[in-house]
Amino acid sequence: MIFERVGVPSVGSGRMEEIEKCTRCELCVDVCPIYEATGKEAFSPLARINAAKRIFEGGSAPPEMIEAIYNCPECGRCEVACPSVVNVTSIVETARAELVRRGVAPLEGHKRIVSWILELGNSVGGDPEKRLEWLSEEFEEGESSTLLYFGCLPSYLVKESAKSTYLALKRAGVDFMILRNEGCCGVYLYDAGLRDLAEKVFRQNAERFGKLGIERIITPCAGCYRCFKRYYPKVLGEKFEVEVRHVVEVLDELMRKGRMKLEKKEMEVTYHDPCRLGRKEGLYEAPRRILERCGVKIREMSESRENGMCCGAGAGIRSLYKELSMEVAAKVLRAAPSETLVTSCPFCVFNFKYAARKGGIKKDTKYITELL
């Protein structure tokens, strides 16, 4: 397996100005889910900024410093608290790319996932021949300018999110196509700092979408959504001009136009704001409107919307630090006032369900389209 090689200038030189904006006020520290879980100052946003600066300046990176860079969920809670608006996520992203450039990363925990993406076309080690086993009808090779792109977790591990999304859009009369061999969006590669491999996958997918005449992508996966909407244009530039929408945006729009009639559900839930849809994209109201139209009563968490709690699974953490990821998820579950959590991110669903089962926490988590 070939990764990026050392021999080109540091990728972090452009982030030093961002780092210098930090006043070391420490307001970010107490809102970091990883610091809250570990109690280690070395795993706080401030420590990550200091570690990144040292890495960008050419200093050595001891194991704890590397762990601090890679156990960041890139959730953005620190950025909401920061009075100087320091973009910690971009600093961490670039520090990871620099560690890869040096040959320090990818870490051992990354390599299995990367091999799955390259060999199987998904990040969870699923059998590509079984990817659509959840589909409730025969696969039809259709043509449309709209692609319903499920993503790795919905296709293999959180199948109800894929099935319920498919059925909801179909019953609403949305014209779309699906792919028998979908492949991976490549977000894991980007999050790991493997920029060259990520760009290769991005480019292959973009070329494929172009040949198929795809003008719009709808996805139930928050990671795919973020990747297609932000990372593809960033890496590929003008070579990727596809409209990207999360399924909650589409369903909310259909409901407001009166194109969906819903049965009322007499139930109470707590809605969890996924980091990549909430803080990163501002999608707070659409999922809540969907739930309210279903007749669902929403009991909010004490920390929601821009202050929403992180599930602890994002940016590759779960594959590297599973116990830590579960600890962060368990804290969210215990803080939820309702017995049922609803979220719009399959990875949040997966991590919450796993943490609840392993921790004996009697809370259920559902993907939002399951309620439709």
Protein backbone atom coordinates (compact mmCIF):
# COMPACT_ATOMS: atom_id res chain seq x y z
CA MET A 1 0.00 0.00 0.00
CA ILE A 2 1.51 3.34 -1.06
CA PHE A 3 0.99 6.49 0.98
CA GLU A 4 2.24 10.05 0.57
CA ARG A 5 6.00 10.47 0.73
CA VAL A 6 8.15 13.03 2.50
CA GLY A 7 10.03 15.32 0.15
CA VAL A 8 7.73 18.27 -0.43
CA PRO A 9 7.35 21.42 1.69
CA SER A 10 5.26 21.23 4.87
CA VAL A 11 1.52 21.45 4.25
CA GLY A 12 1.09 23.39 7.49
CA SER A 13 2.71 26.69 6.57
CA GLY A 14 -0.65 28.23 5.66
CA ARG A 15 -2.13 27.40 9.09
CA MET A 16 0.34 29.35 11.23
CA GLU A 17 -1.66 32.55 10.87
CA GLU A 18 -4.75 30.71 12.11
CA ILE A 19 -2.80 29.36 15.08
CA GLU A 20 -1.55 32.84 15.99
CA LYS A 21 -5.17 33.99 16.42
CA CYS A 22 -5.39 31.85 19.57
CA THR A 23 -5.09 33.95 22.76
CA ARG A 24 -4.75 30.89 25.06
CA CYS A 25 -7.90 31.92 26.95
CA GLU A 26 -8.78 28.22 27.49
CA LEU A 27 -12.51 28.70 26.90
CA CYS A 28 -12.32 25.82 24.44
CA VAL A 29 -11.00 23.32 26.97
CA ASP A 30 -14.13 22.59 28.99
CA VAL A 31 -16.38 22.07 25.96
CA CYS A 32 -14.15 19.46 24.31
CA PRO A 33 -15.76 16.00 24.58
CA ILE A 34 -12.37 14.27 24.54
CA TYR A 35 -10.97 16.41 27.34
CA GLU A 36 -14.19 15.85 29.30
CA ALA A 37 -13.85 12.09 28.88
CA THR A 38 -10.12 11.80 29.63
CA GLY A 39 -9.37 14.76 31.91
CA LYS A 40 -6.02 15.09 30.11
CA GLU A 41 -4.86 18.58 29.20
CA ALA A 42 -2.81 17.02 26.42
CA PHE A 43 -6.09 16.09 24.73
CA SER A 44 -7.66 19.56 24.85
CA PRO A 45 -8.15 21.88 21.84
CA LEU A 46 -5.49 24.24 23.20
CA ALA A 47 -2.98 21.38 23.43
CA ARG A 48 -3.85 20.35 19.87
CA ILE A 49 -3.16 23.86 18.61
CA ASN A 50 0.21 23.86 20.40
CA ALA A 51 0.99 20.39 19.04
CA ALA A 52 0.11 21.44 15.50
CA LYS A 53 2.34 24.50 15.77
CA ARG A 54 5.26 22.35 16.86
CA ILE A 55 4.62 19.91 14.00
CA PHE A 56 4.36 22.69 11.40
CA GLU A 57 7.63 24.21 12.67
CA GLY A 58 9.39 20.90 12.09
CA GLY A 59 9.56 19.71 15.69
CA SER A 60 9.32 16.08 16.72
CA ALA A 61 5.94 14.56 17.48
CA PRO A 62 5.96 12.18 20.49
CA PRO A 63 3.23 9.50 20.72
CA GLU A 64 0.90 11.49 23.02
CA MET A 65 1.05 14.46 20.68
CA ILE A 66 0.19 12.28 17.69
CA GLU A 67 -2.69 10.80 19.69
CA ALA A 68 -3.94 14.31 20.50
CA ILE A 69 -4.05 15.16 16.80
CA TYR A 70 -5.86 11.93 15.90
CA ASN A 71 -8.31 11.68 18.81
CA CYS A 72 -9.93 14.99 17.91
CA PRO A 73 -13.47 14.35 16.59
CA GLU A 74 -13.38 17.62 14.66
CA CYS A 75 -16.81 18.30 16.15
CA GLY A 76 -16.39 22.08 16.29
CA ARG A 77 -17.61 22.63 19.86
CA CYS A 78 -14.36 24.42 20.64
CA GLU A 79 -14.87 26.72 17.66
CA VAL A 80 -18.28 27.81 18.96
CA ALA A 81 -16.73 28.69 22.33
CA CYS A 82 -13.68 30.45 20.86
CA PRO A 83 -13.91 34.29 21.01
CA SER A 84 -11.14 34.53 18.41
CA VAL A 85 -12.94 32.17 16.00
CA VAL A 86 -9.91 29.90 15.61
CA ASN A 87 -10.69 27.11 13.13
CA VAL A 88 -9.31 24.22 15.16
CA THR A 89 -10.76 21.66 12.74
CA SER A 90 -8.73 22.98 9.81
CA ILE A 91 -5.59 23.09 11.96
CA VAL A 92 -6.06 19.45 13.00
CA GLU A 93 -6.85 18.39 9.41
CA THR A 94 -3.63 19.97 8.19
CA ALA A 95 -1.57 18.55 11.07
CA ARG A 96 -2.75 15.06 10.12
CA ALA A 97 -1.73 15.64 6.51
CA GLU A 98 1.68 16.83 7.70
CA LEU A 99 2.15 13.70 9.84
CA VAL A 100 1.35 11.59 6.79
CA ARG A 101 3.81 13.62 4.72
CA ARG A 102 6.50 12.85 7.27
CA GLY A 103 5.68 9.15 7.23
CA VAL A 104 4.54 9.15 10.87
CA ALA A 105 0.97 8.37 9.82
CA PRO A 106 -1.31 6.68 8.83
CA LEU A 107 -1.49 4.84 12.13
CA GLU A 108 -1.92 1.08 12.43
CA GLY A 109 -5.62 1.53 13.15
CA HIS A 110 -6.05 3.35 9.85
CA LYS A 111 -4.47 0.78 7.60
CA ARG A 112 -7.16 -1.88 7.75
CA ILE A 113 -9.90 0.65 6.95
CA VAL A 114 -7.85 2.09 4.09
CA SER A 115 -7.28 -1.37 2.63
CA TRP A 116 -11.04 -2.04 2.73
CA ILE A 117 -11.77 1.20 0.89
CA LEU A 118 -9.24 0.42 -1.81
CA GLU A 119 -10.02 -3.31 -2.15
CA LEU A 120 -13.75 -3.58 -1.29
CA GLY A 121 -15.00 -0.08 -2.03
CA ASN A 122 -16.28 0.54 1.50
CA SER A 123 -14.86 1.53 4.88
CA VAL A 124 -16.50 -1.21 6.98
CA GLY A 125 -15.20 -4.38 5.32
CA GLY A 126 -18.57 -5.28 3.84
CA ASP A 127 -19.08 -7.74 1.00
CA PRO A 128 -19.93 -5.60 -2.07
CA GLU A 129 -22.15 -8.40 -3.38
CA LYS A 130 -24.37 -8.03 -0.30
CA ARG A 131 -24.52 -4.23 -0.19
CA LEU A 132 -28.17 -3.98 -1.27
CA GLU A 133 -29.55 -6.96 0.66
CA TRP A 134 -31.78 -4.57 2.63
CA LEU A 135 -33.46 -3.33 -0.57
CA SER A 136 -37.13 -4.32 -0.38
CA GLU A 137 -37.48 -4.84 -4.13
CA GLU A 138 -35.43 -5.94 -7.10
CA PHE A 139 -32.62 -3.60 -8.08
CA GLU A 140 -33.47 -1.63 -11.20
CA GLU A 141 -30.78 -0.09 -13.37
CA GLY A 142 -32.34 3.32 -13.85
CA GLU A 143 -31.25 6.64 -15.25
CA SER A 144 -31.67 9.97 -13.51
CA SER A 145 -29.73 13.17 -12.98
CA THR A 146 -30.28 12.64 -9.22
CA LEU A 147 -28.26 9.98 -7.42
CA LEU A 148 -29.33 8.60 -4.05
CA TYR A 149 -25.94 7.82 -2.53
CA PHE A 150 -26.29 5.76 0.65
CA GLY A 151 -22.73 5.61 2.00
CA CYS A 152 -20.85 2.78 3.70
CA LEU A 153 -22.54 2.65 7.11
CA PRO A 154 -26.13 2.86 5.82
CA SER A 155 -25.39 0.21 3.20
CA TYR A 156 -23.81 -2.33 5.55
CA LEU A 157 -24.24 -1.51 9.25
CA VAL A 158 -27.15 0.92 9.74
CA LYS A 159 -29.36 -0.59 7.06
CA GLU A 160 -32.62 0.85 8.39
CA SER A 161 -31.33 4.35 7.55
CA ALA A 162 -30.78 3.28 3.94
CA LYS A 163 -34.05 1.38 3.59
CA SER A 164 -36.24 4.06 5.21
CA THR A 165 -34.57 6.84 3.20
CA TYR A 166 -35.12 4.92 -0.04
CA LEU A 167 -38.79 4.26 0.75
CA ALA A 168 -39.52 7.80 1.95
CA LEU A 169 -38.12 9.41 -1.20
CA LYS A 170 -39.76 6.87 -3.48
CA ARG A 171 -43.19 7.28 -1.91
CA ALA A 172 -42.82 11.05 -2.15
CA GLY A 173 -42.34 10.71 -5.90
CA VAL A 174 -38.72 11.83 -6.02
CA ASP A 175 -36.95 10.81 -9.23
CA PHE A 176 -33.58 9.24 -8.45
CA MET A 177 -31.25 6.41 -9.33
CA ILE A 178 -29.08 4.19 -7.15
CA LEU A 179 -25.88 2.36 -7.99
CA ARG A 180 -25.33 -1.36 -7.59
CA ASN A 181 -21.62 -0.73 -6.98
CA GLU A 182 -21.57 2.57 -5.17
CA GLY A 183 -18.04 2.67 -3.78
CA CYS A 184 -16.82 4.90 -0.94
CA CYS A 185 -16.94 8.70 -0.92
CA GLY A 186 -13.41 8.77 0.53
CA VAL A 187 -14.10 10.89 3.61
CA TYR A 188 -12.15 8.49 5.85
CA LEU A 189 -9.04 8.96 3.72
CA TYR A 190 -9.35 12.73 3.93
CA ASP A 191 -9.92 12.65 7.69
CA ALA A 192 -6.86 10.41 8.15
CA GLY A 193 -4.69 13.00 6.39
CA LEU A 194 -4.18 10.84 3.29
CA ARG A 195 -4.69 13.69 0.88
CA ASP A 196 -3.21 11.99 -2.20
CA LEU A 197 -5.36 8.88 -1.81
CA ALA A 198 -8.40 10.97 -1.00
CA GLU A 199 -7.92 13.05 -4.13
CA LYS A 200 -7.58 9.89 -6.22
CA VAL A 201 -10.90 8.51 -4.91
CA PHE A 202 -12.58 11.91 -5.22
CA ARG A 203 -11.46 12.20 -8.81
CA GLN A 204 -12.58 8.69 -9.74
CA ASN A 205 -16.02 9.28 -8.24
CA ALA A 206 -16.39 12.70 -9.83
CA GLU A 207 -15.51 11.29 -13.26
CA ARG A 208 -17.99 8.47 -12.79
CA PHE A 209 -20.76 10.86 -11.75
CA GLY A 210 -19.99 13.00 -14.78
CA LYS A 211 -20.29 10.06 -17.17
CA LEU A 212 -23.63 9.13 -15.59
CA GLY A 213 -24.93 12.68 -15.97
CA ILE A 214 -25.37 13.17 -12.22
CA GLU A 215 -26.32 16.74 -11.34
CA ARG A 216 -27.57 16.20 -7.79
CA ILE A 217 -26.66 13.84 -4.95
CA ILE A 218 -29.01 13.05 -2.06
CA THR A 219 -27.48 11.18 0.87
CA PRO A 220 -28.60 10.05 4.32
CA CYS A 221 -24.98 10.03 5.55
CA ALA A 222 -23.65 13.15 7.28
CA GLY A 223 -20.06 12.14 6.46
CA CYS A 224 -20.77 11.66 2.75
CA TYR A 225 -22.73 14.91 2.75
CA ARG A 226 -19.85 16.85 4.26
CA CYS A 227 -17.35 15.16 1.95
CA PHE A 228 -19.23 15.75 -1.30
CA LYS A 229 -20.32 19.27 -0.37
CA ARG A 230 -17.08 20.64 1.10
CA TYR A 231 -14.10 18.39 0.46
CA TYR A 232 -14.73 17.51 -3.19
CA PRO A 233 -14.95 21.17 -4.34
CA LYS A 234 -11.99 22.04 -2.09
CA VAL A 235 -9.78 19.32 -3.59
CA LEU A 236 -11.13 19.14 -7.15
CA GLY A 237 -12.16 22.77 -7.62
CA GLU A 238 -14.33 23.48 -10.66
CA LYS A 239 -14.16 19.82 -11.66
CA PHE A 240 -16.96 19.03 -9.20
CA GLU A 241 -20.15 20.97 -9.79
CA VAL A 242 -22.80 18.69 -8.33
CA GLU A 243 -25.56 19.86 -6.00
CA VAL A 244 -25.33 17.98 -2.70
CA ARG A 245 -28.28 17.64 -0.34
CA HIS A 246 -28.88 15.70 2.83
CA VAL A 247 -32.11 13.75 2.89
CA VAL A 248 -33.54 15.91 5.71
CA GLU A 249 -33.28 18.97 3.48
CA VAL A 250 -35.15 17.20 0.71
CA LEU A 251 -37.88 15.79 2.95
CA ASP A 252 -38.39 19.09 4.76
CA GLU A 253 -38.86 20.82 1.41
CA LEU A 254 -41.32 18.15 0.20
CA MET A 255 -43.35 18.44 3.39
CA ARG A 256 -43.56 22.21 3.15
CA LYS A 257 -44.85 21.81 -0.42
CA GLY A 258 -47.50 19.39 0.78
CA ARG A 259 -46.11 16.43 -1.15
CA MET A 260 -45.94 14.10 1.85
CA LYS A 261 -48.84 13.07 4.07
CA LEU A 262 -47.72 11.59 7.35
CA GLU A 263 -49.42 9.56 10.00
CA LYS A 264 -49.12 11.10 13.44
CA LYS A 265 -46.98 9.26 15.95
CA GLU A 266 -47.78 9.61 19.62
CA MET A 267 -44.28 9.47 20.99
CA GLU A 268 -41.60 11.56 22.64
CA VAL A 269 -38.00 11.70 21.46
CA THR A 270 -34.83 13.69 21.96
CA TYR A 271 -33.29 14.95 18.75
CA HIS A 272 -29.49 14.79 18.62
CA ASP A 273 -27.75 17.34 16.40
CA PRO A 274 -24.94 15.62 14.44
CA CYS A 275 -21.80 17.75 14.39
CA ARG A 276 -21.39 17.64 10.62
CA LEU A 277 -24.99 18.68 9.96
CA GLY A 278 -25.44 21.04 12.88
CA ARG A 279 -22.38 23.10 13.75
CA LYS A 280 -20.74 22.49 10.38
CA GLU A 281 -23.76 23.14 8.15
CA GLY A 282 -26.42 24.82 10.31
CA LEU A 283 -29.11 22.18 9.66
CA TYR A 284 -30.97 22.55 12.94
CA GLU A 285 -34.56 23.32 12.07
CA ALA A 286 -35.27 21.00 9.10
CA PRO A 287 -35.05 17.74 11.11
CA ARG A 288 -37.11 19.23 13.92
CA ARG A 289 -39.81 20.34 11.49
CA ILE A 290 -39.92 16.80 10.06
CA LEU A 291 -40.40 15.30 13.52
CA GLU A 292 -43.06 17.84 14.45
CA ARG A 293 -44.99 17.05 11.26
CA CYS A 294 -44.91 13.41 12.34
CA GLY A 295 -46.66 14.48 15.54
CA VAL A 296 -43.57 13.68 17.60
CA LYS A 297 -42.95 15.63 20.78
CA ILE A 298 -39.33 16.74 21.04
CA ARG A 299 -37.63 17.02 24.42
CA GLU A 300 -34.42 18.95 23.89
CA MET A 301 -31.14 18.15 25.56
CA SER A 302 -29.65 20.82 27.79
CA GLU A 303 -26.94 21.19 25.13
CA SER A 304 -28.36 21.26 21.62
CA ARG A 305 -28.10 23.00 18.25
CA GLU A 306 -24.76 24.89 18.06
CA ASN A 307 -23.86 23.53 21.53
CA GLY A 308 -24.96 19.99 20.71
CA MET A 309 -22.98 17.11 22.20
CA CYS A 310 -20.67 15.05 19.98
CA CYS A 311 -21.32 11.30 19.63
CA GLY A 312 -17.57 10.64 19.72
CA ALA A 313 -17.32 8.66 16.48
CA GLY A 314 -16.34 11.20 13.84
CA ALA A 315 -13.08 11.96 12.02
CA GLY A 316 -11.82 8.40 12.38
CA ILE A 317 -11.79 8.25 16.19
CA ARG A 318 -13.87 5.12 16.52
CA SER A 319 -11.50 3.06 14.39
CA LEU A 320 -8.51 4.22 16.47
CA TYR A 321 -9.85 4.74 20.00
CA LYS A 322 -13.03 2.68 20.32
CA GLU A 323 -13.28 2.77 24.13
CA LEU A 324 -12.88 6.54 24.19
CA SER A 325 -15.48 6.88 21.44
CA MET A 326 -17.94 4.76 23.42
CA GLU A 327 -17.34 6.78 26.60
CA VAL A 328 -18.22 10.00 24.79
CA ALA A 329 -21.34 8.40 23.30
CA ALA A 330 -22.44 7.06 26.70
CA LYS A 331 -22.34 10.56 28.16
CA VAL A 332 -24.74 11.77 25.47
CA LEU A 333 -27.09 8.85 26.05
CA ARG A 334 -27.22 9.48 29.79
CA ALA A 335 -27.87 13.19 29.21
CA ALA A 336 -30.82 12.57 26.86
CA PRO A 337 -34.13 13.24 28.64
CA SER A 338 -36.11 10.79 26.45
CA GLU A 339 -35.82 7.04 26.13
CA THR A 340 -35.48 7.38 22.35
CA LEU A 341 -32.88 9.49 20.54
CA VAL A 342 -33.39 10.45 16.91
CA THR A 343 -30.56 11.72 14.76
CA SER A 344 -29.73 12.38 11.10
CA CYS A 345 -26.30 10.74 11.07
CA PRO A 346 -25.89 6.96 10.61
CA PHE A 347 -22.54 7.02 12.40
CA CYS A 348 -24.17 8.62 15.45
CA VAL A 349 -26.87 5.92 15.33
CA PHE A 350 -24.24 3.19 15.13
CA ASN A 351 -22.11 4.53 17.98
CA PHE A 352 -25.05 5.27 20.27
CA LYS A 353 -26.54 1.81 19.75
CA TYR A 354 -23.18 0.15 20.36
CA ALA A 355 -22.45 2.22 23.49
CA ALA A 356 -25.94 1.57 24.86
CA ARG A 357 -25.61 -2.18 24.34
CA LYS A 358 -22.11 -2.44 25.81
CA GLY A 359 -22.85 -0.08 28.68
CA GLY A 360 -26.25 -1.46 29.62
CA ILE A 361 -27.87 1.93 28.98
CA LYS A 362 -31.58 1.56 28.25
CA LYS A 363 -31.84 4.11 25.48
CA ASP A 364 -32.77 3.46 21.84
CA THR A 365 -31.52 5.43 18.85
CA LYS A 366 -33.26 5.76 15.51
CA TYR A 367 -32.36 7.34 12.21
CA ILE A 368 -34.84 10.11 11.42
CA THR A 369 -36.40 8.54 8.30
CA GLU A 370 -37.35 5.45 10.31
CA LEU A 371 -40.12 7.54 11.87
CA LEU A 372 -41.60 8.29 8.45
